[in-house]
C-alpha cells in the first residue's frame, strides 16, 4: 500500500483499515507460530503499512485540533 492510496481516506476509513491490517498481522503471526507461514516478508510490509496508516491518522487528528494560524507579516 502506498501513501498516495492512504492520503485520500477519511479518519473513519483509516481506523477501519488499521483494524483490518492489525487483524491480518495477528493471523500471520499465528501462522508463523505454527510454521505455516508462506510469505514471511508479508509481516514486514504489513508493519510498514500499519505505520503509514497510523501516521496519517495522527496527522489528521493534529490538523483538526490545531488549525493553521496565519503567518506573521514581514517587517
Protein backbone atom coordinates (compact mmCIF):
# COMPACT_ATOMS: atom_id res chain seq x y z
CA UNK A 1 0.00 0.00 0.00
CA UNK A 2 1.35 3.38 -0.95
CA UNK A 3 0.88 6.64 0.87
CA UNK A 4 -0.96 8.07 -2.13
CA UNK A 5 -3.68 5.45 -1.53
CA UNK A 6 -3.91 6.42 2.13
CA UNK A 7 -3.94 10.21 1.87
CA UNK A 8 -7.44 10.36 0.37
CA UNK A 9 -9.08 8.27 3.13
CA UNK A 10 -11.09 9.79 5.97
CA UNK A 11 -10.30 9.23 9.65
CA UNK A 12 -13.06 6.62 9.95
CA UNK A 13 -11.83 4.76 6.87
CA UNK A 14 -8.26 4.87 8.19
CA UNK A 15 -9.37 3.43 11.53
CA UNK A 16 -11.12 0.57 9.73
CA UNK A 17 -8.05 0.00 7.54
CA UNK A 18 -5.81 -0.07 10.60
CA UNK A 19 -8.07 -2.60 12.30
CA UNK A 20 -8.06 -4.81 9.19
CA UNK A 21 -4.27 -4.66 8.87
CA UNK A 22 -3.78 -5.48 12.54
CA UNK A 23 -6.16 -8.44 12.22
CA UNK A 24 -4.20 -9.71 9.24
CA UNK A 25 -0.96 -9.27 11.18
CA UNK A 26 -2.41 -11.33 14.03
CA UNK A 27 -3.42 -14.11 11.64
CA UNK A 28 0.04 -14.15 10.05
CA UNK A 29 1.71 -14.32 13.47
CA UNK A 30 -0.44 -17.34 14.31
CA UNK A 31 0.63 -18.98 11.05
CA UNK A 32 4.26 -18.16 11.82
CA UNK A 33 4.00 -19.74 15.26
CA UNK A 34 2.63 -22.94 13.76
CA UNK A 35 5.23 -22.93 10.94
CA UNK A 36 2.60 -22.48 8.21
CA UNK A 37 3.57 -19.01 7.05
CA UNK A 38 4.24 -18.99 3.30
CA UNK A 39 5.34 -15.37 2.85
CA UNK A 40 7.35 -14.12 5.85
CA UNK A 41 8.06 -10.83 4.07
CA UNK A 42 4.35 -10.02 4.32
CA UNK A 43 4.83 -9.39 8.07
CA UNK A 44 7.37 -6.69 7.27
CA UNK A 45 5.16 -4.99 4.69
CA UNK A 46 2.14 -5.13 7.00
CA UNK A 47 4.11 -3.48 9.77
CA UNK A 48 5.10 -0.69 7.40
CA UNK A 49 1.52 -0.28 6.15
CA UNK A 50 0.21 -0.03 9.71
CA UNK A 51 2.79 2.66 10.44
CA UNK A 52 1.73 4.62 7.34
CA UNK A 53 -1.94 4.46 8.33
CA UNK A 54 -1.23 5.45 11.94
CA UNK A 55 0.97 8.34 10.80
CA UNK A 56 -1.78 9.67 8.54
CA UNK A 57 -4.36 9.28 11.31
CA UNK A 58 -2.13 11.23 13.68
CA UNK A 59 -1.64 13.98 11.11
CA UNK A 60 -5.39 14.28 10.56
CA UNK A 61 -6.04 14.44 14.31
CA UNK A 62 -3.37 17.12 14.78
CA UNK A 63 -4.76 19.09 11.85
CA UNK A 64 -8.26 19.02 13.36
CA UNK A 65 -7.06 20.09 16.82
CA UNK A 66 -4.71 22.90 15.83
CA UNK A 67 -5.89 24.86 12.80
CA UNK A 68 -3.16 26.61 10.88
CA UNK A 69 -2.51 30.14 12.12
CA UNK A 70 -1.78 32.84 9.56
CA UNK A 71 1.89 33.68 9.12
CA UNK A 72 3.07 36.96 10.67
CA UNK A 73 3.63 39.83 8.26
CA UNK A 74 7.24 40.57 7.31
CA UNK A 75 8.63 43.89 8.53
